[in-house]
Amino acid sequence: MISCTCVVQEGQTPDVQKKSITRLLNRFSSDAFGEEALITWIPVAPGNGFTAAKPSSSSVISVIANEPLSPERRESLLRKLAHLWSAETGCTLDEVVAVLADPQTH
């Protein structure tokens, strides 16, 4: 499974929307890496997230790939991930922080 962590402002993504996003992230992960996503949702309580001294409306989506990615592939996948999130949530691309990390080696 591909680790995927979604940090969202509490109340920003209702349960119905989480189900839809989960399906989309699983499809993204399966298409990109051949594995479904293991999604962890981390809500940020009101008053605990700020951008430019105002309550934040940003989301962070962090995915750990199962293989090292070339810069070109990473850029393409990050674009897909950010657009997927934006289209589903209504967030602007400026409100989406997408991370696509290579797997950790020990």
PDB file of N, CA and C in Angstrom:
ATOM      1  N   MET A   1       0.835  -1.181   0.000  1.00  0.00           N
ATOM      2  CA  MET A   1       0.000   0.000   0.000  1.00  0.00           C
ATOM      3  C   MET A   1       0.883   1.249   0.000  1.00  0.00           C
ATOM      4  N   ILE A   2       0.374   2.271  -0.623  1.00  0.00           N
ATOM      5  CA  ILE A   2       1.073   3.545  -0.727  1.00  0.00           C
ATOM      6  C   ILE A   2       0.578   4.463   0.385  1.00  0.00           C
ATOM      7  N   SER A   3       1.499   4.941   1.206  1.00  0.00           N
ATOM      8  CA  SER A   3       1.137   5.823   2.308  1.00  0.00           C
ATOM      9  C   SER A   3       0.728   7.200   1.771  1.00  0.00           C
ATOM     10  N   CYS A   4      -0.428   7.646   2.203  1.00  0.00           N
ATOM     11  CA  CYS A   4      -0.959   8.939   1.795  1.00  0.00           C
ATOM     12  C   CYS A   4      -1.531   9.630   3.026  1.00  0.00           C
ATOM     13  N   THR A   5      -1.019  10.799   3.342  1.00  0.00           N
ATOM     14  CA  THR A   5      -1.496  11.556   4.492  1.00  0.00           C
ATOM     15  C   THR A   5      -2.155  12.836   3.996  1.00  0.00           C
ATOM     16  N   CYS A   6      -3.371  13.067   4.474  1.00  0.00           N
ATOM     17  CA  CYS A   6      -4.127  14.253   4.078  1.00  0.00           C
ATOM     18  C   CYS A   6      -4.353  15.112   5.312  1.00  0.00           C
ATOM     19  N   VAL A   7      -3.746  16.284   5.322  1.00  0.00           N
ATOM     20  CA  VAL A   7      -3.906  17.238   6.422  1.00  0.00           C
ATOM     21  C   VAL A   7      -4.888  18.293   5.930  1.00  0.00           C
ATOM     22  N   VAL A   8      -6.041  18.355   6.592  1.00  0.00           N
ATOM     23  CA  VAL A   8      -7.108  19.260   6.163  1.00  0.00           C
ATOM     24  C   VAL A   8      -7.626  20.046   7.358  1.00  0.00           C
ATOM     25  N   GLN A   9      -8.190  21.198   7.070  1.00  0.00           N
ATOM     26  CA  GLN A   9      -8.816  21.992   8.120  1.00  0.00           C
ATOM     27  C   GLN A   9     -10.090  21.275   8.560  1.00  0.00           C
ATOM     28  N   GLU A  10     -10.289  21.166   9.862  1.00  0.00           N
ATOM     29  CA  GLU A  10     -11.460  20.462  10.394  1.00  0.00           C
ATOM     30  C   GLU A  10     -12.735  21.025   9.765  1.00  0.00           C
ATOM     31  N   GLY A  11     -13.596  20.129   9.298  1.00  0.00           N
ATOM     32  CA  GLY A  11     -14.841  20.526   8.662  1.00  0.00           C
ATOM     33  C   GLY A  11     -14.710  20.866   7.190  1.00  0.00           C
ATOM     34  N   GLN A  12     -13.491  20.898   6.675  1.00  0.00           N
ATOM     35  CA  GLN A  12     -13.261  21.266   5.278  1.00  0.00           C
ATOM     36  C   GLN A  12     -13.722  20.173   4.318  1.00  0.00           C
ATOM     37  N   THR A  13     -13.550  18.920   4.719  1.00  0.00           N
ATOM     38  CA  THR A  13     -13.935  17.808   3.849  1.00  0.00           C
ATOM     39  C   THR A  13     -14.941  16.922   4.592  1.00  0.00           C
ATOM     40  N   PRO A  14     -16.223  17.108   4.311  1.00  0.00           N
ATOM     41  CA  PRO A  14     -17.243  16.282   4.955  1.00  0.00           C
ATOM     42  C   PRO A  14     -17.040  14.800   4.626  1.00  0.00           C
ATOM     43  N   ASP A  15     -17.645  13.926   5.439  1.00  0.00           N
ATOM     44  CA  ASP A  15     -17.480  12.481   5.267  1.00  0.00           C
ATOM     45  C   ASP A  15     -17.825  12.011   3.862  1.00  0.00           C
ATOM     46  N   VAL A  16     -18.880  12.553   3.270  1.00  0.00           N
ATOM     47  CA  VAL A  16     -19.274  12.154   1.915  1.00  0.00           C
ATOM     48  C   VAL A  16     -18.148  12.488   0.935  1.00  0.00           C
ATOM     49  N   GLN A  17     -17.567  13.661   1.105  1.00  0.00           N
ATOM     50  CA  GLN A  17     -16.474  14.070   0.223  1.00  0.00           C
ATOM     51  C   GLN A  17     -15.229  13.215   0.473  1.00  0.00           C
ATOM     52  N   LYS A  18     -14.979  12.836   1.725  1.00  0.00           N
ATOM     53  CA  LYS A  18     -13.828  11.982   2.033  1.00  0.00           C
ATOM     54  C   LYS A  18     -13.937  10.654   1.298  1.00  0.00           C
ATOM     55  N   LYS A  19     -15.138  10.115   1.207  1.00  0.00           N
ATOM     56  CA  LYS A  19     -15.325   8.847   0.496  1.00  0.00           C
ATOM     57  C   LYS A  19     -14.964   9.008  -0.982  1.00  0.00           C
ATOM     58  N   SER A  20     -15.404  10.097  -1.573  1.00  0.00           N
ATOM     59  CA  SER A  20     -15.102  10.355  -2.977  1.00  0.00           C
ATOM     60  C   SER A  20     -13.610  10.590  -3.178  1.00  0.00           C
ATOM     61  N   ILE A  21     -13.005  11.380  -2.294  1.00  0.00           N
ATOM     62  CA  ILE A  21     -11.567  11.645  -2.385  1.00  0.00           C
ATOM     63  C   ILE A  21     -10.781  10.358  -2.198  1.00  0.00           C
ATOM     64  N   THR A  22     -11.226   9.512  -1.276  1.00  0.00           N
ATOM     65  CA  THR A  22     -10.558   8.234  -1.051  1.00  0.00           C
ATOM     66  C   THR A  22     -10.558   7.403  -2.330  1.00  0.00           C
ATOM     67  N   ARG A  23     -11.688   7.342  -3.019  1.00  0.00           N
ATOM     68  CA  ARG A  23     -11.756   6.601  -4.292  1.00  0.00           C
ATOM     69  C   ARG A  23     -10.789   7.193  -5.315  1.00  0.00           C
ATOM     70  N   LEU A  24     -10.770   8.521  -5.405  1.00  0.00           N
ATOM     71  CA  LEU A  24      -9.891   9.179  -6.377  1.00  0.00           C
ATOM     72  C   LEU A  24      -8.418   8.967  -6.037  1.00  0.00           C
ATOM     73  N   LEU A  25      -8.066   9.058  -4.760  1.00  0.00           N
ATOM     74  CA  LEU A  25      -6.669   8.840  -4.360  1.00  0.00           C
ATOM     75  C   LEU A  25      -6.256   7.394  -4.589  1.00  0.00           C
ATOM     76  N   ASN A  26      -7.166   6.454  -4.368  1.00  0.00           N
ATOM     77  CA  ASN A  26      -6.864   5.050  -4.643  1.00  0.00           C
ATOM     78  C   ASN A  26      -6.648   4.828  -6.139  1.00  0.00           C
ATOM     79  N   ARG A  27      -7.451   5.463  -6.957  1.00  0.00           N
ATOM     80  CA  ARG A  27      -7.284   5.346  -8.410  1.00  0.00           C
ATOM     81  C   ARG A  27      -5.953   5.977  -8.831  1.00  0.00           C
ATOM     82  N   PHE A  28      -5.646   7.169  -8.299  1.00  0.00           N
ATOM     83  CA  PHE A  28      -4.373   7.827  -8.588  1.00  0.00           C
ATOM     84  C   PHE A  28      -3.206   6.927  -8.215  1.00  0.00           C
ATOM     85  N   SER A  29      -3.248   6.382  -7.006  1.00  0.00           N
ATOM     86  CA  SER A  29      -2.169   5.534  -6.502  1.00  0.00           C
ATOM     87  C   SER A  29      -2.033   4.254  -7.329  1.00  0.00           C
ATOM     88  N   SER A  30      -3.154   3.641  -7.650  1.00  0.00           N
ATOM     89  CA  SER A  30      -3.121   2.412  -8.463  1.00  0.00           C
ATOM     90  C   SER A  30      -2.560   2.685  -9.847  1.00  0.00           C
ATOM     91  N   ASP A  31      -3.004   3.772 -10.456  1.00  0.00           N
ATOM     92  CA  ASP A  31      -2.505   4.129 -11.791  1.00  0.00           C
ATOM     93  C   ASP A  31      -1.018   4.462 -11.765  1.00  0.00           C
ATOM     94  N   ALA A  32      -0.600   5.222 -10.743  1.00  0.00           N
ATOM     95  CA  ALA A  32       0.787   5.695 -10.685  1.00  0.00           C
ATOM     96  C   ALA A  32       1.756   4.636 -10.177  1.00  0.00           C
ATOM     97  N   PHE A  33       1.329   3.836  -9.191  1.00  0.00           N
ATOM     98  CA  PHE A  33       2.256   2.942  -8.495  1.00  0.00           C
ATOM     99  C   PHE A  33       1.827   1.479  -8.449  1.00  0.00           C
ATOM    100  N   GLY A  34       0.665   1.163  -9.002  1.00  0.00           N
ATOM    101  CA  GLY A  34       0.207  -0.220  -9.013  1.00  0.00           C
ATOM    102  C   GLY A  34      -0.279  -0.717  -7.653  1.00  0.00           C
ATOM    103  N   GLU A  35      -0.523   0.194  -6.721  1.00  0.00           N
ATOM    104  CA  GLU A  35      -0.997  -0.164  -5.384  1.00  0.00           C
ATOM    105  C   GLU A  35      -2.015   0.855  -4.907  1.00  0.00           C
ATOM    106  N   GLU A  36      -2.960   0.401  -4.085  1.00  0.00           N
ATOM    107  CA  GLU A  36      -3.917   1.324  -3.492  1.00  0.00           C
ATOM    108  C   GLU A  36      -3.241   2.153  -2.411  1.00  0.00           C
ATOM    109  N   ALA A  37      -3.899   3.225  -2.046  1.00  0.00           N
ATOM    110  CA  ALA A  37      -3.389   4.128  -1.023  1.00  0.00           C
ATOM    111  C   ALA A  37      -3.884   3.723   0.357  1.00  0.00           C
ATOM    112  N   LEU A  38      -3.028   3.868   1.335  1.00  0.00           N
ATOM    113  CA  LEU A  38      -3.400   3.755   2.740  1.00  0.00           C
ATOM    114  C   LEU A  38      -3.487   5.189   3.232  1.00  0.00           C
ATOM    115  N   ILE A  39      -4.711   5.695   3.385  1.00  0.00           N
ATOM    116  CA  ILE A  39      -4.924   7.116   3.635  1.00  0.00           C
ATOM    117  C   ILE A  39      -5.111   7.381   5.123  1.00  0.00           C
ATOM    118  N   THR A  40      -4.356   8.352   5.607  1.00  0.00           N
ATOM    119  CA  THR A  40      -4.495   8.843   6.975  1.00  0.00           C
ATOM    120  C   THR A  40      -4.991  10.280   6.893  1.00  0.00           C
ATOM    121  N   TRP A  41      -6.109  10.548   7.564  1.00  0.00           N
ATOM    122  CA  TRP A  41      -6.672  11.902   7.594  1.00  0.00           C
ATOM    123  C   TRP A  41      -6.248  12.572   8.891  1.00  0.00           C
ATOM    124  N   ILE A  42      -5.696  13.763   8.778  1.00  0.00           N
ATOM    125  CA  ILE A  42      -5.308  14.535   9.953  1.00  0.00           C
ATOM    126  C   ILE A  42      -6.049  15.872   9.898  1.00  0.00           C
ATOM    127  N   PRO A  43      -7.072  16.030  10.762  1.00  0.00           N
ATOM    128  CA  PRO A  43      -7.787  17.303  10.790  1.00  0.00           C
ATOM    129  C   PRO A  43      -7.041  18.325  11.652  1.00  0.00           C
ATOM    130  N   VAL A  44      -7.026  19.557  11.197  1.00  0.00           N
ATOM    131  CA  VAL A  44      -6.432  20.654  11.961  1.00  0.00           C
ATOM    132  C   VAL A  44      -7.589  21.405  12.614  1.00  0.00           C
ATOM    133  N   ALA A  45      -7.583  21.418  13.937  1.00  0.00           N
ATOM    134  CA  ALA A  45      -8.669  22.060  14.678  1.00  0.00           C
ATOM    135  C   ALA A  45      -8.747  23.553  14.358  1.00  0.00           C
ATOM    136  N   PRO A  46      -9.958  24.100  14.395  1.00  0.00           N
ATOM    137  CA  PRO A  46     -10.107  25.542  14.152  1.00  0.00           C
ATOM    138  C   PRO A  46      -9.179  26.350  15.069  1.00  0.00           C
ATOM    139  N   GLY A  47      -8.568  27.369  14.490  1.00  0.00           N
ATOM    140  CA  GLY A  47      -7.669  28.218  15.251  1.00  0.00           C
ATOM    141  C   GLY A  47      -6.244  27.709  15.325  1.00  0.00           C
ATOM    142  N   ASN A  48      -5.963  26.551  14.695  1.00  0.00           N
ATOM    143  CA  ASN A  48      -4.622  25.975  14.738  1.00  0.00           C
ATOM    144  C   ASN A  48      -3.899  25.986  13.399  1.00  0.00           C
ATOM    145  N   GLY A  49      -4.537  26.459  12.364  1.00  0.00           N
ATOM    146  CA  GLY A  49      -3.889  26.535  11.055  1.00  0.00           C
ATOM    147  C   GLY A  49      -4.072  27.917  10.461  1.00  0.00           C
ATOM    148  N   PHE A  50      -2.964  28.542  10.093  1.00  0.00           N
ATOM    149  CA  PHE A  50      -3.030  29.902   9.567  1.00  0.00           C
ATOM    150  C   PHE A  50      -2.169  30.031   8.317  1.00  0.00           C
ATOM    151  N   THR A  51      -2.633  30.869   7.404  1.00  0.00           N
ATOM    152  CA  THR A  51      -1.867  31.252   6.223  1.00  0.00           C
ATOM    153  C   THR A  51      -1.993  32.765   6.112  1.00  0.00           C
ATOM    154  N   ALA A  52      -0.868  33.439   6.079  1.00  0.00           N
ATOM    155  CA  ALA A  52      -0.840  34.902   5.986  1.00  0.00           C
ATOM    156  C   ALA A  52      -1.690  35.535   7.083  1.00  0.00           C
ATOM    157  N   ALA A  53      -1.559  35.011   8.296  1.00  0.00           N
ATOM    158  CA  ALA A  53      -2.225  35.530   9.496  1.00  0.00           C
ATOM    159  C   ALA A  53      -3.750  35.416   9.456  1.00  0.00           C
ATOM    160  N   LYS A  54      -4.268  34.550   8.595  1.00  0.00           N
ATOM    161  CA  LYS A  54      -5.706  34.294   8.521  1.00  0.00           C
ATOM    162  C   LYS A  54      -5.924  32.792   8.659  1.00  0.00           C
ATOM    163  N   PRO A  55      -7.099  32.383   9.145  1.00  0.00           N
ATOM    164  CA  PRO A  55      -7.365  30.945   9.224  1.00  0.00           C
ATOM    165  C   PRO A  55      -7.118  30.284   7.863  1.00  0.00           C
ATOM    166  N   SER A  56      -6.419  29.173   7.887  1.00  0.00           N
ATOM    167  CA  SER A  56      -6.015  28.517   6.652  1.00  0.00           C
ATOM    168  C   SER A  56      -7.160  27.745   6.009  1.00  0.00           C
ATOM    169  N   SER A  57      -7.159  27.727   4.695  1.00  0.00           N
ATOM    170  CA  SER A  57      -8.066  26.871   3.930  1.00  0.00           C
ATOM    171  C   SER A  57      -7.264  25.880   3.100  1.00  0.00           C
ATOM    172  N   SER A  58      -5.974  25.775   3.415  1.00  0.00           N
ATOM    173  CA  SER A  58      -5.080  24.895   2.658  1.00  0.00           C
ATOM    174  C   SER A  58      -5.205  23.444   3.095  1.00  0.00           C
ATOM    175  N   SER A  59      -4.863  22.565   2.178  1.00  0.00           N
ATOM    176  CA  SER A  59      -4.782  21.136   2.436  1.00  0.00           C
ATOM    177  C   SER A  59      -3.386  20.668   2.050  1.00  0.00           C
ATOM    178  N   VAL A  60      -2.872  19.693   2.786  1.00  0.00           N
ATOM    179  CA  VAL A  60      -1.589  19.079   2.462  1.00  0.00           C
ATOM    180  C   VAL A  60      -1.859  17.620   2.128  1.00  0.00           C
ATOM    181  N   ILE A  61      -1.423  17.184   0.969  1.00  0.00           N
ATOM    182  CA  ILE A  61      -1.556  15.791   0.559  1.00  0.00           C
ATOM    183  C   ILE A  61      -0.151  15.272   0.333  1.00  0.00           C
ATOM    184  N   SER A  62       0.264  14.340   1.176  1.00  0.00           N
ATOM    185  CA  SER A  62       1.622  13.804   1.121  1.00  0.00           C
ATOM    186  C   SER A  62       1.570  12.316   0.793  1.00  0.00           C
ATOM    187  N   VAL A  63       2.227  11.957  -0.280  1.00  0.00           N
ATOM    188  CA  VAL A  63       2.242  10.576  -0.751  1.00  0.00           C
ATOM    189  C   VAL A  63       3.688  10.091  -0.791  1.00  0.00           C
ATOM    190  N   ILE A  64       3.910   8.865  -0.325  1.00  0.00           N
ATOM    191  CA  ILE A  64       5.241   8.264  -0.409  1.00  0.00           C
ATOM    192  C   ILE A  64       5.207   7.203  -1.504  1.00  0.00           C
ATOM    193  N   ALA A  65       5.970   7.437  -2.555  1.00  0.00           N
ATOM    194  CA  ALA A  65       6.023   6.515  -3.689  1.00  0.00           C
ATOM    195  C   ALA A  65       6.692   5.205  -3.277  1.00  0.00           C
ATOM    196  N   ASN A  66       6.484   4.180  -4.060  1.00  0.00           N
ATOM    197  CA  ASN A  66       7.122   2.888  -3.791  1.00  0.00           C
ATOM    198  C   ASN A  66       8.391   2.690  -4.601  1.00  0.00           C
ATOM    199  N   GLU A  67       8.798   3.761  -5.298  1.00  0.00           N
ATOM    200  CA  GLU A  67      10.027   3.717  -6.101  1.00  0.00           C
ATOM    201  C   GLU A  67      10.539   5.144  -6.260  1.00  0.00           C
ATOM    202  N   PRO A  68      11.842   5.315  -6.452  1.00  0.00           N
ATOM    203  CA  PRO A  68      12.360   6.664  -6.711  1.00  0.00           C
ATOM    204  C   PRO A  68      11.765   7.211  -8.014  1.00  0.00           C
ATOM    205  N   LEU A  69      11.499   8.502  -8.039  1.00  0.00           N
ATOM    206  CA  LEU A  69      10.865   9.116  -9.195  1.00  0.00           C
ATOM    207  C   LEU A  69      11.809  10.086  -9.884  1.00  0.00           C
ATOM    208  N   SER A  70      11.775  10.063 -11.188  1.00  0.00           N
ATOM    209  CA  SER A  70      12.539  11.065 -11.949  1.00  0.00           C
ATOM    210  C   SER A  70      11.847  12.412 -11.746  1.00  0.00           C
ATOM    211  N   PRO A  71      12.591  13.495 -11.921  1.00  0.00           N
ATOM    212  CA  PRO A  71      11.965  14.816 -11.786  1.00  0.00           C
ATOM    213  C   PRO A  71      10.761  15.005 -12.719  1.00  0.00           C
ATOM    214  N   GLU A  72      10.846  14.499 -13.924  1.00  0.00           N
ATOM    215  CA  GLU A  72       9.756  14.657 -14.889  1.00  0.00           C
ATOM    216  C   GLU A  72       8.510  13.898 -14.438  1.00  0.00           C
ATOM    217  N   ARG A  73       8.692  12.667 -13.983  1.00  0.00           N
ATOM    218  CA  ARG A  73       7.543  11.875 -13.536  1.00  0.00           C
ATOM    219  C   ARG A  73       6.947  12.480 -12.270  1.00  0.00           C
ATOM    220  N   ARG A  74       7.801  12.934 -11.349  1.00  0.00           N
ATOM    221  CA  ARG A  74       7.326  13.555 -10.116  1.00  0.00           C
ATOM    222  C   ARG A  74       6.465  14.782 -10.447  1.00  0.00           C
ATOM    223  N   GLU A  75       6.970  15.626 -11.349  1.00  0.00           N
ATOM    224  CA  GLU A  75       6.213  16.829 -11.709  1.00  0.00           C
ATOM    225  C   GLU A  75       4.851  16.470 -12.301  1.00  0.00           C
ATOM    226  N   SER A  76       4.829  15.508 -13.196  1.00  0.00           N
ATOM    227  CA  SER A  76       3.581  15.089 -13.821  1.00  0.00           C
ATOM    228  C   SER A  76       2.598  14.549 -12.780  1.00  0.00           C
ATOM    229  N   LEU A  77       3.084  13.707 -11.885  1.00  0.00           N
ATOM    230  CA  LEU A  77       2.208  13.133 -10.862  1.00  0.00           C
ATOM    231  C   LEU A  77       1.739  14.187  -9.862  1.00  0.00           C
ATOM    232  N   LEU A  78       2.612  15.124  -9.505  1.00  0.00           N
ATOM    233  CA  LEU A  78       2.207  16.200  -8.590  1.00  0.00           C
ATOM    234  C   LEU A  78       1.108  17.054  -9.214  1.00  0.00           C
ATOM    235  N   ARG A  79       1.238  17.333 -10.490  1.00  0.00           N
ATOM    236  CA  ARG A  79       0.189  18.102 -11.184  1.00  0.00           C
ATOM    237  C   ARG A  79      -1.141  17.346 -11.131  1.00  0.00           C
ATOM    238  N   LYS A  80      -1.101  16.055 -11.433  1.00  0.00           N
ATOM    239  CA  LYS A  80      -2.330  15.245 -11.402  1.00  0.00           C
ATOM    240  C   LYS A  80      -2.931  15.232 -10.005  1.00  0.00           C
ATOM    241  N   LEU A  81      -2.097  15.038  -8.996  1.00  0.00           N
ATOM    242  CA  LEU A  81      -2.571  14.971  -7.617  1.00  0.00           C
ATOM    243  C   LEU A  81      -3.198  16.301  -7.189  1.00  0.00           C
ATOM    244  N   ALA A  82      -2.531  17.398  -7.462  1.00  0.00           N
ATOM    245  CA  ALA A  82      -3.049  18.718  -7.071  1.00  0.00           C
ATOM    246  C   ALA A  82      -4.357  19.027  -7.797  1.00  0.00           C
ATOM    247  N   HIS A  83      -4.417  18.722  -9.083  1.00  0.00           N
ATOM    248  CA  HIS A  83      -5.641  18.988  -9.844  1.00  0.00           C
ATOM    249  C   HIS A  83      -6.782  18.087  -9.387  1.00  0.00           C
ATOM    250  N   LEU A  84      -6.484  16.840  -9.094  1.00  0.00           N
ATOM    251  CA  LEU A  84      -7.497  15.917  -8.583  1.00  0.00           C
ATOM    252  C   LEU A  84      -8.107  16.491  -7.305  1.00  0.00           C
ATOM    253  N   TRP A  85      -7.238  16.903  -6.377  1.00  0.00           N
ATOM    254  CA  TRP A  85      -7.697  17.433  -5.088  1.00  0.00           C
ATOM    255  C   TRP A  85      -8.504  18.716  -5.292  1.00  0.00           C
ATOM    256  N   SER A  86      -7.998  19.598  -6.112  1.00  0.00           N
ATOM    257  CA  SER A  86      -8.668  20.871  -6.355  1.00  0.00           C
ATOM    258  C   SER A  86     -10.050  20.657  -6.979  1.00  0.00           C
ATOM    259  N   ALA A  87     -10.134  19.787  -7.961  1.00  0.00           N
ATOM    260  CA  ALA A  87     -11.407  19.530  -8.636  1.00  0.00           C
ATOM    261  C   ALA A  87     -12.432  18.930  -7.681  1.00  0.00           C
ATOM    262  N   GLU A  88     -11.994  18.072  -6.795  1.00  0.00           N
ATOM    263  CA  GLU A  88     -12.932  17.394  -5.891  1.00  0.00           C
ATOM    264  C   GLU A  88     -13.342  18.263  -4.707  1.00  0.00           C
ATOM    265  N   THR A  89     -12.425  19.060  -4.191  1.00  0.00           N
ATOM    266  CA  THR A  89     -12.711  19.834  -2.971  1.00  0.00           C
ATOM    267  C   THR A  89     -13.143  21.263  -3.234  1.00  0.00           C
ATOM    268  N   GLY A  90     -12.832  21.781  -4.417  1.00  0.00           N
ATOM    269  CA  GLY A  90     -13.121  23.180  -4.686  1.00  0.00           C
ATOM    270  C   GLY A  90     -12.019  24.114  -4.221  1.00  0.00           C
ATOM    271  N   CYS A  91     -10.975  23.559  -3.611  1.00  0.00           N
ATOM    272  CA  CYS A  91      -9.812  24.368  -3.230  1.00  0.00           C
ATOM    273  C   CYS A  91      -9.149  24.888  -4.498  1.00  0.00           C
ATOM    274  N   THR A  92      -8.577  26.071  -4.413  1.00  0.00           N
ATOM    275  CA  THR A  92      -7.788  26.537  -5.541  1.00  0.00           C
ATOM    276  C   THR A  92      -6.446  25.810  -5.506  1.00  0.00           C
ATOM    277  N   LEU A  93      -5.728  25.838  -6.600  1.00  0.00           N
ATOM    278  CA  LEU A  93      -4.406  25.207  -6.619  1.00  0.00           C
ATOM    279  C   LEU A  93      -3.458  25.883  -5.635  1.00  0.00           C
ATOM    280  N   ASP A  94      -3.693  27.162  -5.328  1.00  0.00           N
ATOM    281  CA  ASP A  94      -2.882  27.857  -4.326  1.00  0.00           C
ATOM    282  C   ASP A  94      -3.130  27.336  -2.913  1.00  0.00           C
ATOM    283  N   GLU A  95      -4.240  26.642  -2.710  1.00  0.00           N
ATOM    284  CA  GLU A  95      -4.581  26.099  -1.391  1.00  0.00           C
ATOM    285  C   GLU A  95      -4.171  24.637  -1.240  1.00  0.00           C
ATOM    286  N   VAL A  96      -3.570  24.073  -2.267  1.00  0.00           N
ATOM    287  CA  VAL A  96      -3.185  22.664  -2.250  1.00  0.00           C
ATOM    288  C   VAL A  96      -1.661  22.557  -2.158  1.00  0.00           C
ATOM    289  N   VAL A  97      -1.204  21.873  -1.125  1.00  0.00           N
ATOM    290  CA  VAL A  97       0.223  21.566  -0.994  1.00  0.00           C
ATOM    291  C   VAL A  97       0.350  20.065  -1.235  1.00  0.00           C
ATOM    292  N   ALA A  98       0.913  19.704  -2.368  1.00  0.00           N
ATOM    293  CA  ALA A  98       1.072  18.295  -2.715  1.00  0.00           C
ATOM    294  C   ALA A  98       2.544  17.912  -2.561  1.00  0.00           C
ATOM    295  N   VAL A  99       2.753  16.756  -1.939  1.00  0.00           N
ATOM    296  CA  VAL A  99       4.097  16.237  -1.713  1.00  0.00           C
ATOM    297  C   VAL A  99       4.136  14.818  -2.258  1.00  0.00           C
ATOM    298  N   LEU A 100       5.178  14.503  -2.994  1.00  0.00           N
ATOM    299  CA  LEU A 100       5.367  13.151  -3.517  1.00  0.00           C
ATOM    300  C   LEU A 100       6.809  12.761  -3.221  1.00  0.00           C
ATOM    301  N   ALA A 101       6.975  11.989  -2.147  1.00  0.00           N
ATOM    302  CA  ALA A 101       8.313  11.643  -1.665  1.00  0.00           C
ATOM    303  C   ALA A 101       8.742  10.278  -2.181  1.00  0.00           C
ATOM    304  N   ASP A 102      10.045  10.144  -2.368  1.00  0.00           N
ATOM    305  CA  ASP A 102      10.609   8.827  -2.679  1.00  0.00           C
ATOM    306  C   ASP A 102      10.548   7.959  -1.430  1.00  0.00           C
ATOM    307  N   PRO A 103      10.561   6.643  -1.596  1.00  0.00           N
ATOM    308  CA  PRO A 103      10.548   5.769  -0.424  1.00  0.00           C
ATOM    309  C   PRO A 103      11.829   5.987   0.404  1.00  0.00           C
ATOM    310  N   GLN A 104      11.687   5.791   1.699  1.00  0.00           N
ATOM    311  CA  GLN A 104      12.846   5.918   2.575  1.00  0.00           C
ATOM    312  C   GLN A 104      13.692   4.668   2.476  1.00  0.00           C
ATOM    313  N   THR A 105      14.997   4.869   2.439  1.00  0.00           N
ATOM    314  CA  THR A 105      15.911   3.739   2.448  1.00  0.00           C
ATOM    315  C   THR A 105      16.656   3.744   3.772  1.00  0.00           C
ATOM    316  N   HIS A 106      16.909   2.566   4.273  1.00  0.00           N
ATOM    317  CA  HIS A 106      17.580   2.473   5.598  1.00  0.00           C
ATOM    318  C   HIS A 106      18.957   1.925   5.458  1.00  0.00           C
TER     319      HIS A 106
END
